[in-house]
Amino acid sequence: MSDTLSPFASLPKPPYFVVMFSSRRCPGDNGYGDMAQRMADLAARQPGYLGVESALGDDGFGITNSFWANEDSIRAWKRDVDHLDAQTKGRQHWYERYEVRVARVERSYSFEARIDG
């Protein structure tokens, strides 16, 4: 459901779930970019996946929010064999620290400025 032309995920009306992944990366890529793309592609094919929003600062701090229809979908993604492998490599090579938080989204709203040319 993500719009590839926008950094914002195109999401249904709540309720749905969000997995918030905040991390501080180790210096260097060390294969991270390729694995991150593989995981994004794999997650998008999982039942219950709704979209993703991600940002990475120059200081290595990043936040990725993935959106899911229900908790069972999140649990299935956490147990995916390829995702488990990426998690192990992440702890060994790519992350100094990370935090994972899971929440149910009850309400959402947005704003978009209209720029008339």
C-alpha atoms as a PDB file:
ATOM      1  CA  MET A   1       0.000   0.000   0.000  1.00  0.00           C
ATOM      2  CA  SER A   2       3.022   2.319  -0.013  1.00  0.00           C
ATOM      3  CA  ASP A   3       3.202   5.018  -2.649  1.00  0.00           C
ATOM      4  CA  THR A   4       6.662   4.647  -4.204  1.00  0.00           C
ATOM      5  CA  LEU A   5       6.646   8.313  -5.284  1.00  0.00           C
ATOM      6  CA  SER A   6       6.209   9.561  -1.722  1.00  0.00           C
ATOM      7  CA  PRO A   7       8.154   8.906   1.487  1.00  0.00           C
ATOM      8  CA  PHE A   8       4.773   8.635   3.243  1.00  0.00           C
ATOM      9  CA  ALA A   9       3.025   5.273   3.445  1.00  0.00           C
ATOM     10  CA  SER A  10      -0.484   5.159   2.030  1.00  0.00           C
ATOM     11  CA  LEU A  11      -2.429   3.589   4.892  1.00  0.00           C
ATOM     12  CA  PRO A  12      -6.007   2.536   5.584  1.00  0.00           C
ATOM     13  CA  LYS A  13      -8.167   4.053   8.289  1.00  0.00           C
ATOM     14  CA  PRO A  14      -7.138   2.924  11.782  1.00  0.00           C
ATOM     15  CA  PRO A  15      -6.925   0.713  13.616  1.00  0.00           C
ATOM     16  CA  TYR A  16      -3.696  -0.899  12.423  1.00  0.00           C
ATOM     17  CA  PHE A  17      -0.304  -1.544  13.987  1.00  0.00           C
ATOM     18  CA  VAL A  18       3.104   0.088  13.717  1.00  0.00           C
ATOM     19  CA  VAL A  19       6.521  -1.394  14.460  1.00  0.00           C
ATOM     20  CA  MET A  20       8.869   1.485  15.282  1.00  0.00           C
ATOM     21  CA  PHE A  21      12.527   0.602  14.763  1.00  0.00           C
ATOM     22  CA  SER A  22      14.954   3.291  15.997  1.00  0.00           C
ATOM     23  CA  SER A  23      18.631   2.591  15.507  1.00  0.00           C
ATOM     24  CA  ARG A  24      22.148   3.954  15.583  1.00  0.00           C
ATOM     25  CA  ARG A  25      24.227   2.491  12.766  1.00  0.00           C
ATOM     26  CA  CYS A  26      27.873   1.509  12.934  1.00  0.00           C
ATOM     27  CA  PRO A  27      30.177   3.391  10.545  1.00  0.00           C
ATOM     28  CA  GLY A  28      30.385   2.053   6.986  1.00  0.00           C
ATOM     29  CA  ASP A  29      27.887   0.125   4.907  1.00  0.00           C
ATOM     30  CA  ASN A  30      29.271  -3.396   5.363  1.00  0.00           C
ATOM     31  CA  GLY A  31      26.553  -4.813   3.101  1.00  0.00           C
ATOM     32  CA  TYR A  32      23.743  -3.064   4.977  1.00  0.00           C
ATOM     33  CA  GLY A  33      22.259  -1.316   1.934  1.00  0.00           C
ATOM     34  CA  ASP A  34      21.766  -4.533  -0.011  1.00  0.00           C
ATOM     35  CA  MET A  35      20.274  -6.350   2.978  1.00  0.00           C
ATOM     36  CA  ALA A  36      17.974  -3.433   3.825  1.00  0.00           C
ATOM     37  CA  GLN A  37      16.594  -3.475   0.270  1.00  0.00           C
ATOM     38  CA  ARG A  38      16.114  -7.262   0.397  1.00  0.00           C
ATOM     39  CA  MET A  39      14.250  -6.959   3.711  1.00  0.00           C
ATOM     40  CA  ALA A  40      12.065  -4.105   2.413  1.00  0.00           C
ATOM     41  CA  ASP A  41      11.126  -6.176  -0.641  1.00  0.00           C
ATOM     42  CA  LEU A  42      10.481  -9.280   1.467  1.00  0.00           C
ATOM     43  CA  ALA A  43       8.397  -7.409   4.060  1.00  0.00           C
ATOM     44  CA  ALA A  44       6.240  -5.911   1.303  1.00  0.00           C
ATOM     45  CA  ARG A  45       5.257  -9.443   0.239  1.00  0.00           C
ATOM     46  CA  GLN A  46       4.178 -10.522   3.745  1.00  0.00           C
ATOM     47  CA  PRO A  47       0.482 -10.960   4.534  1.00  0.00           C
ATOM     48  CA  GLY A  48      -0.753  -8.018   6.584  1.00  0.00           C
ATOM     49  CA  TYR A  49       1.984  -5.602   5.473  1.00  0.00           C
ATOM     50  CA  LEU A  50       0.607  -2.106   4.874  1.00  0.00           C
ATOM     51  CA  GLY A  51       3.633   0.100   4.213  1.00  0.00           C
ATOM     52  CA  VAL A  52       6.813   1.653   5.544  1.00  0.00           C
ATOM     53  CA  GLU A  53       8.294   5.069   6.291  1.00  0.00           C
ATOM     54  CA  SER A  54      11.999   5.469   6.961  1.00  0.00           C
ATOM     55  CA  ALA A  55      14.580   8.187   7.548  1.00  0.00           C
ATOM     56  CA  LEU A  56      18.332   8.092   8.232  1.00  0.00           C
ATOM     57  CA  GLY A  57      20.347  11.021   9.515  1.00  0.00           C
ATOM     58  CA  ASP A  58      23.968  11.811   8.689  1.00  0.00           C
ATOM     59  CA  ASP A  59      24.872  10.840  12.256  1.00  0.00           C
ATOM     60  CA  GLY A  60      23.740   7.225  11.690  1.00  0.00           C
ATOM     61  CA  PHE A  61      20.493   7.555  13.667  1.00  0.00           C
ATOM     62  CA  GLY A  62      17.530   6.160  11.782  1.00  0.00           C
ATOM     63  CA  ILE A  63      13.867   5.455  12.300  1.00  0.00           C
ATOM     64  CA  THR A  64      11.838   2.968  10.301  1.00  0.00           C
ATOM     65  CA  ASN A  65       8.129   2.610  10.918  1.00  0.00           C
ATOM     66  CA  SER A  66       6.514  -0.430   9.327  1.00  0.00           C
ATOM     67  CA  PHE A  67       2.748  -0.696   9.334  1.00  0.00           C
ATOM     68  CA  TRP A  68       0.784  -3.926   9.714  1.00  0.00           C
ATOM     69  CA  ALA A  69      -2.848  -4.996   9.690  1.00  0.00           C
ATOM     70  CA  ASN A  70      -2.604  -7.038  12.894  1.00  0.00           C
ATOM     71  CA  GLU A  71      -0.270  -8.462  15.523  1.00  0.00           C
ATOM     72  CA  ASP A  72      -0.212 -11.926  13.934  1.00  0.00           C
ATOM     73  CA  SER A  73       1.337 -10.414  10.792  1.00  0.00           C
ATOM     74  CA  ILE A  74       4.014  -8.725  12.904  1.00  0.00           C
ATOM     75  CA  ARG A  75       4.815 -11.979  14.708  1.00  0.00           C
ATOM     76  CA  ALA A  76       5.053 -13.870  11.409  1.00  0.00           C
ATOM     77  CA  TRP A  77       7.450 -11.234  10.019  1.00  0.00           C
ATOM     78  CA  LYS A  78       9.606 -11.413  13.163  1.00  0.00           C
ATOM     79  CA  ARG A  79       9.904 -15.202  12.674  1.00  0.00           C
ATOM     80  CA  ASP A  80      10.685 -15.121   8.928  1.00  0.00           C
ATOM     81  CA  VAL A  81      13.921 -17.073   8.369  1.00  0.00           C
ATOM     82  CA  ASP A  82      15.544 -14.449   6.135  1.00  0.00           C
ATOM     83  CA  HIS A  83      14.510 -11.697   8.533  1.00  0.00           C
ATOM     84  CA  LEU A  84      16.010 -13.658  11.452  1.00  0.00           C
ATOM     85  CA  ASP A  85      19.286 -13.879   9.515  1.00  0.00           C
ATOM     86  CA  ALA A  86      19.231 -10.114   8.891  1.00  0.00           C
ATOM     87  CA  GLN A  87      18.573  -9.487  12.588  1.00  0.00           C
ATOM     88  CA  THR A  88      21.605 -11.551  13.569  1.00  0.00           C
ATOM     89  CA  LYS A  89      23.821  -9.753  11.046  1.00  0.00           C
ATOM     90  CA  GLY A  90      22.457  -6.433  12.268  1.00  0.00           C
ATOM     91  CA  ARG A  91      23.563  -7.132  15.836  1.00  0.00           C
ATOM     92  CA  GLN A  92      26.953  -8.366  14.619  1.00  0.00           C
ATOM     93  CA  HIS A  93      27.790  -5.740  11.973  1.00  0.00           C
ATOM     94  CA  TRP A  94      25.368  -2.858  11.442  1.00  0.00           C
ATOM     95  CA  TYR A  95      23.938  -1.512  14.687  1.00  0.00           C
ATOM     96  CA  GLU A  96      25.490   0.072  17.753  1.00  0.00           C
ATOM     97  CA  ARG A  97      22.032   0.135  19.331  1.00  0.00           C
ATOM     98  CA  TYR A  98      18.395  -0.269  18.417  1.00  0.00           C
ATOM     99  CA  GLU A  99      14.975  -0.056  20.015  1.00  0.00           C
ATOM    100  CA  VAL A 100      11.821  -1.770  18.775  1.00  0.00           C
ATOM    101  CA  ARG A 101       8.393  -0.589  19.838  1.00  0.00           C
ATOM    102  CA  VAL A 102       5.058  -2.009  18.710  1.00  0.00           C
ATOM    103  CA  ALA A 103       1.847  -0.006  19.002  1.00  0.00           C
ATOM    104  CA  ARG A 104      -1.738  -0.030  17.842  1.00  0.00           C
ATOM    105  CA  VAL A 105      -2.672   3.087  15.891  1.00  0.00           C
ATOM    106  CA  GLU A 106      -6.112   4.243  16.993  1.00  0.00           C
ATOM    107  CA  ARG A 107      -6.271   7.616  15.229  1.00  0.00           C
ATOM    108  CA  SER A 108      -4.412   9.363  12.457  1.00  0.00           C
ATOM    109  CA  TYR A 109      -4.653  12.681  10.669  1.00  0.00           C
ATOM    110  CA  SER A 110      -2.535  14.617   8.235  1.00  0.00           C
ATOM    111  CA  PHE A 111      -1.801  17.981   6.670  1.00  0.00           C
ATOM    112  CA  GLU A 112      -0.474  18.817   3.232  1.00  0.00           C
ATOM    113  CA  ALA A 113       0.203  22.389   2.126  1.00  0.00           C
ATOM    114  CA  ARG A 114      -1.161  23.272  -1.274  1.00  0.00           C
ATOM    115  CA  ILE A 115       1.342  25.143  -3.363  1.00  0.00           C
ATOM    116  CA  ASP A 116      -0.345  26.893  -6.279  1.00  0.00           C
ATOM    117  CA  GLY A 117       2.028  27.847  -9.048  1.00  0.00           C
END
